[in-house]
Amino acid sequence: MRRVILLAMLAMLTMALYCAAGMGARAWAAEGDAAHLFSEGNDHYAAGRFEDAVRVYRQLLAQGYTSEAVHYNLGNALFKSGQLGPAILEYEKAAVMAPDDDDLRANLEFLRTLTADKTSAGGAQTTTFFVERLLALTSLDEDAMVVLALFCIMGVLVAIRIVSTRPVLLRLALWGMAVVALPLVVMSAAFSVKLSRDISSSYAIVLSERLDVRSGPGDDNTTLFTVHEGLKVRLRGEQGGWLQVSLENGLNGWVPASSLGVI
């Protein structure tokens, strides 16, 4: 009986190894195909065949191969093809994956200068403006690391206050806790705000050359204002193939979902 069980286990192990090897081979082949397509797209771009490059990069994405490099190169090819809105959309998708890429950020900022709409509220340097500037200094991941480090330091200082009996260490721990407390509270608040925004907020890029924003979800509603290709909008709601959007300056309304590219 033990021999039968042993043989059965050996057979199962052999089958598992065979399946794993097959999956590995298929994954290797798939990676090879993706690398070939990516190289082909780059060759088209270098030769000035921008529409062919767009086709190949989109083929890569359609097959499930996504990375900041693919979105970035696709954005370059779309811009060279004269498609401003789609180019900004791909840059924005790449920026989500690589927020610290200086070249990507520079290209994205340049393309934004080419859009027709400037939606910043402008005016005086308000408290909200300064808060937003401060929040933009660090990323969500960086805030998480800083909060974790400060929390660990605070934990060590608290432990010293509880365990130690030496007056010098007790005083140093108390002063250290007072020094760490404020940065910990500030960074925790910043992290919470960014995390909340990251979870609840989604954005899109206007792909239509000219887009009327209406008071409700339907063509029979009043046109409130008009936006143009390349503008970044925040998504607020959805109803019957229409999306509710808002701008940085507070304006909001409804547009057809087909006119936007979700980041």
C-alpha atoms as a PDB file:
ATOM      1  CA  MET A   1       0.000   0.000   0.000  1.00  0.00           C
ATOM      2  CA  ARG A   2       2.829   2.369   0.870  1.00  0.00           C
ATOM      3  CA  ARG A   3       4.423   1.579  -2.476  1.00  0.00           C
ATOM      4  CA  VAL A   4       1.222   2.500  -4.335  1.00  0.00           C
ATOM      5  CA  ILE A   5       0.957   5.784  -2.445  1.00  0.00           C
ATOM      6  CA  LEU A   6       4.626   6.541  -3.150  1.00  0.00           C
ATOM      7  CA  LEU A   7       4.201   5.855  -6.859  1.00  0.00           C
ATOM      8  CA  ALA A   8       1.077   8.000  -6.983  1.00  0.00           C
ATOM      9  CA  MET A   9       2.895  10.880  -5.276  1.00  0.00           C
ATOM     10  CA  LEU A  10       5.830  10.475  -7.668  1.00  0.00           C
ATOM     11  CA  ALA A  11       3.465  10.561 -10.637  1.00  0.00           C
ATOM     12  CA  MET A  12       1.759  13.701  -9.321  1.00  0.00           C
ATOM     13  CA  LEU A  13       5.120  15.366  -8.730  1.00  0.00           C
ATOM     14  CA  THR A  14       6.260  14.463 -12.249  1.00  0.00           C
ATOM     15  CA  MET A  15       3.046  15.881 -13.733  1.00  0.00           C
ATOM     16  CA  ALA A  16       3.409  19.079 -11.679  1.00  0.00           C
ATOM     17  CA  LEU A  17       6.998  19.535 -12.842  1.00  0.00           C
ATOM     18  CA  TYR A  18       5.909  18.911 -16.445  1.00  0.00           C
ATOM     19  CA  CYS A  19       3.128  21.501 -16.193  1.00  0.00           C
ATOM     20  CA  ALA A  20       5.452  24.014 -14.554  1.00  0.00           C
ATOM     21  CA  ALA A  21       8.034  23.493 -17.273  1.00  0.00           C
ATOM     22  CA  GLY A  22       5.377  23.960 -19.930  1.00  0.00           C
ATOM     23  CA  MET A  23       4.095  27.128 -18.323  1.00  0.00           C
ATOM     24  CA  GLY A  24       7.640  28.445 -18.004  1.00  0.00           C
ATOM     25  CA  ALA A  25       8.352  27.740 -21.645  1.00  0.00           C
ATOM     26  CA  ARG A  26       5.155  29.479 -22.715  1.00  0.00           C
ATOM     27  CA  ALA A  27       5.954  32.473 -20.493  1.00  0.00           C
ATOM     28  CA  TRP A  28       9.460  32.653 -21.947  1.00  0.00           C
ATOM     29  CA  ALA A  29       8.076  32.530 -25.476  1.00  0.00           C
ATOM     30  CA  ALA A  30       5.503  35.207 -24.634  1.00  0.00           C
ATOM     31  CA  GLU A  31       8.215  37.457 -23.199  1.00  0.00           C
ATOM     32  CA  GLY A  32      10.226  36.912 -26.357  1.00  0.00           C
ATOM     33  CA  ASP A  33       7.261  37.920 -28.521  1.00  0.00           C
ATOM     34  CA  ALA A  34       6.710  41.042 -26.409  1.00  0.00           C
ATOM     35  CA  ALA A  35      10.369  42.040 -26.688  1.00  0.00           C
ATOM     36  CA  HIS A  36      10.207  41.515 -30.454  1.00  0.00           C
ATOM     37  CA  LEU A  37       7.094  43.665 -30.789  1.00  0.00           C
ATOM     38  CA  PHE A  38       8.577  46.388 -28.596  1.00  0.00           C
ATOM     39  CA  SER A  39      11.739  46.412 -30.706  1.00  0.00           C
ATOM     40  CA  GLU A  40       9.645  46.515 -33.883  1.00  0.00           C
ATOM     41  CA  GLY A  41       7.710  49.509 -32.584  1.00  0.00           C
ATOM     42  CA  ASN A  42      10.960  51.279 -31.714  1.00  0.00           C
ATOM     43  CA  ASP A  43      12.317  50.598 -35.197  1.00  0.00           C
ATOM     44  CA  HIS A  44       9.187  52.083 -36.800  1.00  0.00           C
ATOM     45  CA  TYR A  45       9.503  55.159 -34.579  1.00  0.00           C
ATOM     46  CA  ALA A  46      13.193  55.639 -35.382  1.00  0.00           C
ATOM     47  CA  ALA A  47      12.394  55.407 -39.103  1.00  0.00           C
ATOM     48  CA  GLY A  48       9.658  58.031 -38.838  1.00  0.00           C
ATOM     49  CA  ARG A  49       6.818  55.539 -39.377  1.00  0.00           C
ATOM     50  CA  PHE A  50       4.885  56.845 -36.414  1.00  0.00           C
ATOM     51  CA  GLU A  51       1.491  55.365 -37.288  1.00  0.00           C
ATOM     52  CA  ASP A  52       3.076  51.919 -37.636  1.00  0.00           C
ATOM     53  CA  ALA A  53       4.766  52.436 -34.267  1.00  0.00           C
ATOM     54  CA  VAL A  54       1.395  53.335 -32.721  1.00  0.00           C
ATOM     55  CA  ARG A  55      -0.129  50.161 -34.183  1.00  0.00           C
ATOM     56  CA  VAL A  56       2.614  47.919 -32.782  1.00  0.00           C
ATOM     57  CA  TYR A  57       2.623  49.518 -29.321  1.00  0.00           C
ATOM     58  CA  ARG A  58      -1.160  49.211 -29.130  1.00  0.00           C
ATOM     59  CA  GLN A  59      -0.832  45.573 -30.163  1.00  0.00           C
ATOM     60  CA  LEU A  60       1.495  45.044 -27.214  1.00  0.00           C
ATOM     61  CA  LEU A  61      -1.001  46.600 -24.810  1.00  0.00           C
ATOM     62  CA  ALA A  62      -3.873  44.603 -26.291  1.00  0.00           C
ATOM     63  CA  GLN A  63      -1.927  41.410 -25.569  1.00  0.00           C
ATOM     64  CA  GLY A  64      -1.544  42.404 -21.927  1.00  0.00           C
ATOM     65  CA  TYR A  65       2.043  43.654 -21.962  1.00  0.00           C
ATOM     66  CA  THR A  66       1.974  46.959 -20.163  1.00  0.00           C
ATOM     67  CA  SER A  67       4.788  49.048 -18.725  1.00  0.00           C
ATOM     68  CA  GLU A  68       5.761  52.692 -18.405  1.00  0.00           C
ATOM     69  CA  ALA A  69       8.123  52.251 -21.373  1.00  0.00           C
ATOM     70  CA  VAL A  70       5.331  51.025 -23.667  1.00  0.00           C
ATOM     71  CA  HIS A  71       2.954  53.827 -22.651  1.00  0.00           C
ATOM     72  CA  TYR A  72       5.728  56.420 -22.891  1.00  0.00           C
ATOM     73  CA  ASN A  73       6.842  55.322 -26.356  1.00  0.00           C
ATOM     74  CA  LEU A  74       3.233  55.110 -27.501  1.00  0.00           C
ATOM     75  CA  GLY A  75       2.709  58.662 -26.241  1.00  0.00           C
ATOM     76  CA  ASN A  76       5.720  59.823 -28.252  1.00  0.00           C
ATOM     77  CA  ALA A  77       4.454  58.119 -31.400  1.00  0.00           C
ATOM     78  CA  LEU A  78       0.929  59.515 -30.952  1.00  0.00           C
ATOM     79  CA  PHE A  79       2.280  63.039 -30.516  1.00  0.00           C
ATOM     80  CA  LYS A  80       4.404  62.695 -33.648  1.00  0.00           C
ATOM     81  CA  SER A  81       1.240  61.507 -35.426  1.00  0.00           C
ATOM     82  CA  GLY A  82      -0.572  64.689 -34.413  1.00  0.00           C
ATOM     83  CA  GLN A  83      -2.824  63.089 -31.775  1.00  0.00           C
ATOM     84  CA  LEU A  84      -2.419  65.374 -28.780  1.00  0.00           C
ATOM     85  CA  GLY A  85      -5.168  64.010 -26.518  1.00  0.00           C
ATOM     86  CA  PRO A  86      -4.251  60.318 -26.868  1.00  0.00           C
ATOM     87  CA  ALA A  87      -0.557  61.218 -26.422  1.00  0.00           C
ATOM     88  CA  ILE A  88      -1.279  62.976 -23.110  1.00  0.00           C
ATOM     89  CA  LEU A  89      -3.406  60.011 -22.026  1.00  0.00           C
ATOM     90  CA  GLU A  90      -0.516  57.590 -22.579  1.00  0.00           C
ATOM     91  CA  TYR A  91       1.933  59.897 -20.791  1.00  0.00           C
ATOM     92  CA  GLU A  92      -0.461  60.071 -17.845  1.00  0.00           C
ATOM     93  CA  LYS A  93      -0.698  56.269 -17.717  1.00  0.00           C
ATOM     94  CA  ALA A  94       3.100  56.042 -17.806  1.00  0.00           C
ATOM     95  CA  ALA A  95       3.347  58.666 -15.043  1.00  0.00           C
ATOM     96  CA  VAL A  96       1.191  56.495 -12.769  1.00  0.00           C
ATOM     97  CA  MET A  97       3.759  53.699 -13.138  1.00  0.00           C
ATOM     98  CA  ALA A  98       6.859  55.924 -13.020  1.00  0.00           C
ATOM     99  CA  PRO A  99       6.004  59.148 -11.133  1.00  0.00           C
ATOM    100  CA  ASP A 100       9.670  60.114 -10.682  1.00  0.00           C
ATOM    101  CA  ASP A 101      10.719  59.892 -14.339  1.00  0.00           C
ATOM    102  CA  ASP A 102      12.065  63.364 -15.190  1.00  0.00           C
ATOM    103  CA  ASP A 103      11.936  62.894 -18.983  1.00  0.00           C
ATOM    104  CA  LEU A 104       8.350  61.710 -18.820  1.00  0.00           C
ATOM    105  CA  ARG A 105       7.368  64.596 -16.561  1.00  0.00           C
ATOM    106  CA  ALA A 106       9.041  67.132 -18.865  1.00  0.00           C
ATOM    107  CA  ASN A 107       7.287  65.741 -21.953  1.00  0.00           C
ATOM    108  CA  LEU A 108       3.941  65.700 -20.183  1.00  0.00           C
ATOM    109  CA  GLU A 109       4.320  69.291 -19.013  1.00  0.00           C
ATOM    110  CA  PHE A 110       5.267  70.359 -22.549  1.00  0.00           C
ATOM    111  CA  LEU A 111       2.210  68.708 -24.065  1.00  0.00           C
ATOM    112  CA  ARG A 112      -0.008  70.363 -21.473  1.00  0.00           C
ATOM    113  CA  THR A 113       1.209  73.753 -22.699  1.00  0.00           C
ATOM    114  CA  LEU A 114      -0.180  72.863 -26.138  1.00  0.00           C
ATOM    115  CA  THR A 115      -3.738  72.319 -24.925  1.00  0.00           C
ATOM    116  CA  ALA A 116      -6.339  75.008 -25.479  1.00  0.00           C
ATOM    117  CA  ASP A 117      -7.757  74.954 -21.948  1.00  0.00           C
ATOM    118  CA  LYS A 118      -6.109  76.488 -18.916  1.00  0.00           C
ATOM    119  CA  THR A 119      -8.315  75.619 -15.945  1.00  0.00           C
ATOM    120  CA  SER A 120      -6.269  76.695 -12.931  1.00  0.00           C
ATOM    121  CA  ALA A 121      -8.195  79.108 -10.769  1.00  0.00           C
ATOM    122  CA  GLY A 122      -5.289  81.545 -10.628  1.00  0.00           C
ATOM    123  CA  GLY A 123      -5.406  84.649  -8.457  1.00  0.00           C
ATOM    124  CA  ALA A 124      -3.868  85.069  -5.042  1.00  0.00           C
ATOM    125  CA  GLN A 125      -1.594  82.583  -3.362  1.00  0.00           C
ATOM    126  CA  THR A 126      -4.241  80.987  -1.125  1.00  0.00           C
ATOM    127  CA  THR A 127      -3.789  78.545   1.731  1.00  0.00           C
ATOM    128  CA  THR A 128      -5.191  75.764  -0.452  1.00  0.00           C
ATOM    129  CA  PHE A 129      -2.564  76.496  -3.093  1.00  0.00           C
ATOM    130  CA  PHE A 130       0.263  76.175  -0.580  1.00  0.00           C
ATOM    131  CA  VAL A 131      -1.187  72.984   0.901  1.00  0.00           C
ATOM    132  CA  GLU A 132      -1.428  71.398  -2.540  1.00  0.00           C
ATOM    133  CA  ARG A 133       2.137  72.445  -3.323  1.00  0.00           C
ATOM    134  CA  LEU A 134       3.359  70.853  -0.100  1.00  0.00           C
ATOM    135  CA  LEU A 135       1.442  67.646  -0.775  1.00  0.00           C
ATOM    136  CA  ALA A 136       3.023  67.452  -4.225  1.00  0.00           C
ATOM    137  CA  LEU A 137       6.559  67.474  -2.804  1.00  0.00           C
ATOM    138  CA  THR A 138       6.460  63.755  -1.996  1.00  0.00           C
ATOM    139  CA  SER A 139       4.721  60.710  -3.436  1.00  0.00           C
ATOM    140  CA  LEU A 140       2.335  58.401  -1.589  1.00  0.00           C
ATOM    141  CA  ASP A 141       5.022  55.705  -1.350  1.00  0.00           C
ATOM    142  CA  GLU A 142       7.568  58.174   0.035  1.00  0.00           C
ATOM    143  CA  ASP A 143       5.073  59.360   2.643  1.00  0.00           C
ATOM    144  CA  ALA A 144       4.421  55.765   3.675  1.00  0.00           C
ATOM    145  CA  MET A 145       8.132  55.119   4.203  1.00  0.00           C
ATOM    146  CA  VAL A 146       8.606  58.317   6.219  1.00  0.00           C
ATOM    147  CA  VAL A 147       5.568  57.600   8.417  1.00  0.00           C
ATOM    148  CA  LEU A 148       6.780  54.055   9.038  1.00  0.00           C
ATOM    149  CA  ALA A 149      10.271  55.272   9.972  1.00  0.00           C
ATOM    150  CA  LEU A 150       8.925  57.955  12.330  1.00  0.00           C
ATOM    151  CA  PHE A 151       6.516  55.474  13.890  1.00  0.00           C
ATOM    152  CA  CYS A 152       9.382  53.048  14.560  1.00  0.00           C
ATOM    153  CA  ILE A 153      11.479  55.811  16.105  1.00  0.00           C
ATOM    154  CA  MET A 154       8.558  56.878  18.290  1.00  0.00           C
ATOM    155  CA  GLY A 155       8.045  53.270  19.366  1.00  0.00           C
ATOM    156  CA  VAL A 156      11.684  52.950  20.415  1.00  0.00           C
ATOM    157  CA  LEU A 157      11.508  56.206  22.402  1.00  0.00           C
ATOM    158  CA  VAL A 158       8.314  55.127  24.150  1.00  0.00           C
ATOM    159  CA  ALA A 159       9.909  51.778  25.006  1.00  0.00           C
ATOM    160  CA  ILE A 160      12.903  53.588  26.512  1.00  0.00           C
ATOM    161  CA  ARG A 161      10.564  55.723  28.647  1.00  0.00           C
ATOM    162  CA  ILE A 162       8.809  52.606  29.911  1.00  0.00           C
ATOM    163  CA  VAL A 163      11.801  50.333  30.482  1.00  0.00           C
ATOM    164  CA  SER A 164      14.706  52.596  31.375  1.00  0.00           C
ATOM    165  CA  THR A 165      15.420  53.765  34.918  1.00  0.00           C
ATOM    166  CA  ARG A 166      18.289  56.097  34.069  1.00  0.00           C
ATOM    167  CA  PRO A 167      17.256  59.773  34.355  1.00  0.00           C
ATOM    168  CA  VAL A 168      19.439  60.832  31.398  1.00  0.00           C
ATOM    169  CA  LEU A 169      17.844  58.313  29.050  1.00  0.00           C
ATOM    170  CA  LEU A 170      14.382  59.218  30.303  1.00  0.00           C
ATOM    171  CA  ARG A 171      14.948  62.905  29.544  1.00  0.00           C
ATOM    172  CA  LEU A 172      16.457  62.170  26.127  1.00  0.00           C
ATOM    173  CA  ALA A 173      13.543  59.905  25.267  1.00  0.00           C
ATOM    174  CA  LEU A 174      11.046  62.560  26.340  1.00  0.00           C
ATOM    175  CA  TRP A 175      12.747  65.225  24.232  1.00  0.00           C
ATOM    176  CA  GLY A 176      12.975  62.827  21.321  1.00  0.00           C
ATOM    177  CA  MET A 177       9.254  62.044  21.514  1.00  0.00           C
ATOM    178  CA  ALA A 178       8.468  65.783  21.531  1.00  0.00           C
ATOM    179  CA  VAL A 179      10.662  66.314  18.446  1.00  0.00           C
ATOM    180  CA  VAL A 180       9.262  63.340  16.502  1.00  0.00           C
ATOM    181  CA  ALA A 181       5.607  63.928  17.396  1.00  0.00           C
ATOM    182  CA  LEU A 182       4.954  66.893  15.118  1.00  0.00           C
ATOM    183  CA  PRO A 183       6.569  65.423  11.957  1.00  0.00           C
ATOM    184  CA  LEU A 184       4.754  62.153  12.636  1.00  0.00           C
ATOM    185  CA  VAL A 185       1.376  63.878  12.885  1.00  0.00           C
ATOM    186  CA  VAL A 186       1.999  66.035   9.776  1.00  0.00           C
ATOM    187  CA  MET A 187       3.272  63.184   7.615  1.00  0.00           C
ATOM    188  CA  SER A 188       0.487  60.880   8.815  1.00  0.00           C
ATOM    189  CA  ALA A 189      -2.091  63.497   7.825  1.00  0.00           C
ATOM    190  CA  ALA A 190      -0.478  63.985   4.402  1.00  0.00           C
ATOM    191  CA  PHE A 191      -0.365  60.230   3.867  1.00  0.00           C
ATOM    192  CA  SER A 192      -4.028  59.868   4.833  1.00  0.00           C
ATOM    193  CA  VAL A 193      -5.112  62.643   2.448  1.00  0.00           C
ATOM    194  CA  LYS A 194      -3.140  61.191  -0.474  1.00  0.00           C
ATOM    195  CA  LEU A 195      -4.320  57.649   0.235  1.00  0.00           C
ATOM    196  CA  SER A 196      -7.941  58.800   0.369  1.00  0.00           C
ATOM    197  CA  ARG A 197      -7.545  60.631  -2.930  1.00  0.00           C
ATOM    198  CA  ASP A 198      -5.807  57.673  -4.521  1.00  0.00           C
ATOM    199  CA  ILE A 199      -8.638  55.335  -3.543  1.00  0.00           C
ATOM    200  CA  SER A 200     -11.585  57.591  -4.349  1.00  0.00           C
ATOM    201  CA  SER A 201     -10.352  59.638  -7.300  1.00  0.00           C
ATOM    202  CA  SER A 202     -10.029  58.741 -10.948  1.00  0.00           C
ATOM    203  CA  TYR A 203      -9.141  60.958 -13.870  1.00  0.00           C
ATOM    204  CA  ALA A 204      -9.517  61.028 -17.623  1.00  0.00           C
ATOM    205  CA  ILE A 205      -8.247  62.926 -20.659  1.00  0.00           C
ATOM    206  CA  VAL A 206     -10.493  64.636 -23.203  1.00  0.00           C
ATOM    207  CA  LEU A 207      -9.951  62.934 -26.575  1.00  0.00           C
ATOM    208  CA  SER A 208     -12.389  64.970 -28.661  1.00  0.00           C
ATOM    209  CA  GLU A 209     -11.047  68.074 -30.375  1.00  0.00           C
ATOM    210  CA  ARG A 210     -13.992  70.044 -28.978  1.00  0.00           C
ATOM    211  CA  LEU A 211     -16.367  68.769 -26.299  1.00  0.00           C
ATOM    212  CA  ASP A 212     -19.532  70.378 -24.929  1.00  0.00           C
ATOM    213  CA  VAL A 213     -20.069  69.790 -21.215  1.00  0.00           C
ATOM    214  CA  ARG A 214     -23.776  69.579 -20.399  1.00  0.00           C
ATOM    215  CA  SER A 215     -25.913  70.099 -17.311  1.00  0.00           C
ATOM    216  CA  GLY A 216     -27.069  66.472 -17.286  1.00  0.00           C
ATOM    217  CA  PRO A 217     -26.462  63.064 -18.876  1.00  0.00           C
ATOM    218  CA  GLY A 218     -27.988  63.548 -22.328  1.00  0.00           C
ATOM    219  CA  ASP A 219     -27.753  65.606 -25.521  1.00  0.00           C
ATOM    220  CA  ASP A 220     -31.006  67.388 -24.663  1.00  0.00           C
ATOM    221  CA  ASN A 221     -29.422  69.077 -21.617  1.00  0.00           C
ATOM    222  CA  THR A 222     -28.017  72.605 -21.669  1.00  0.00           C
ATOM    223  CA  THR A 223     -24.408  73.149 -22.695  1.00  0.00           C
ATOM    224  CA  LEU A 224     -22.632  74.726 -19.732  1.00  0.00           C
ATOM    225  CA  PHE A 225     -19.179  75.211 -21.246  1.00  0.00           C
ATOM    226  CA  THR A 226     -16.808  73.688 -23.784  1.00  0.00           C
ATOM    227  CA  VAL A 227     -13.477  71.927 -23.261  1.00  0.00           C
ATOM    228  CA  HIS A 228     -10.876  70.753 -25.734  1.00  0.00           C
ATOM    229  CA  GLU A 229      -8.542  67.895 -26.536  1.00  0.00           C
ATOM    230  CA  GLY A 230      -5.896  67.000 -23.965  1.00  0.00           C
ATOM    231  CA  LEU A 231      -7.588  68.470 -20.875  1.00  0.00           C
ATOM    232  CA  LYS A 232      -7.357  66.385 -17.692  1.00  0.00           C
ATOM    233  CA  VAL A 233     -10.660  66.071 -15.816  1.00  0.00           C
ATOM    234  CA  ARG A 234     -11.740  64.356 -12.636  1.00  0.00           C
ATOM    235  CA  LEU A 235     -14.467  61.710 -12.831  1.00  0.00           C
ATOM    236  CA  ARG A 236     -17.363  62.178 -10.420  1.00  0.00           C
ATOM    237  CA  GLY A 237     -20.103  59.823 -11.584  1.00  0.00           C
ATOM    238  CA  GLU A 238     -21.564  57.750 -14.405  1.00  0.00           C
ATOM    239  CA  GLN A 239     -25.037  57.331 -15.837  1.00  0.00           C
ATOM    240  CA  GLY A 240     -26.236  55.758 -19.064  1.00  0.00           C
ATOM    241  CA  GLY A 241     -23.038  56.097 -21.079  1.00  0.00           C
ATOM    242  CA  TRP A 242     -22.333  59.596 -19.724  1.00  0.00           C
ATOM    243  CA  LEU A 243     -19.676  60.643 -17.220  1.00  0.00           C
ATOM    244  CA  GLN A 244     -19.857  63.488 -14.731  1.00  0.00           C
ATOM    245  CA  VAL A 245     -16.583  65.425 -14.708  1.00  0.00           C
ATOM    246  CA  SER A 246     -15.124  68.363 -12.833  1.00  0.00           C
ATOM    247  CA  LEU A 247     -12.281  70.763 -13.604  1.00  0.00           C
ATOM    248  CA  GLU A 248      -9.591  72.242 -11.373  1.00  0.00           C
ATOM    249  CA  ASN A 249     -11.450  75.551 -11.282  1.00  0.00           C
ATOM    250  CA  GLY A 250     -14.616  73.979  -9.857  1.00  0.00           C
ATOM    251  CA  LEU A 251     -16.713  73.755 -13.034  1.00  0.00           C
ATOM    252  CA  ASN A 252     -18.497  70.445 -13.556  1.00  0.00           C
ATOM    253  CA  GLY A 253     -20.957  68.764 -15.896  1.00  0.00           C
ATOM    254  CA  TRP A 254     -21.653  65.703 -18.038  1.00  0.00           C
ATOM    255  CA  VAL A 255     -19.974  64.386 -21.205  1.00  0.00           C
ATOM    256  CA  PRO A 256     -20.294  61.211 -23.314  1.00  0.00           C
ATOM    257  CA  ALA A 257     -18.042  58.442 -21.982  1.00  0.00           C
ATOM    258  CA  SER A 258     -16.715  57.796 -25.491  1.00  0.00           C
ATOM    259  CA  SER A 259     -15.180  61.289 -25.570  1.00  0.00           C
ATOM    260  CA  LEU A 260     -12.775  60.533 -22.701  1.00  0.00           C
ATOM    261  CA  GLY A 261      -9.840  58.241 -22.115  1.00  0.00           C
ATOM    262  CA  VAL A 262      -9.665  57.029 -18.514  1.00  0.00           C
ATOM    263  CA  ILE A 263      -6.171  57.101 -17.021  1.00  0.00           C
END
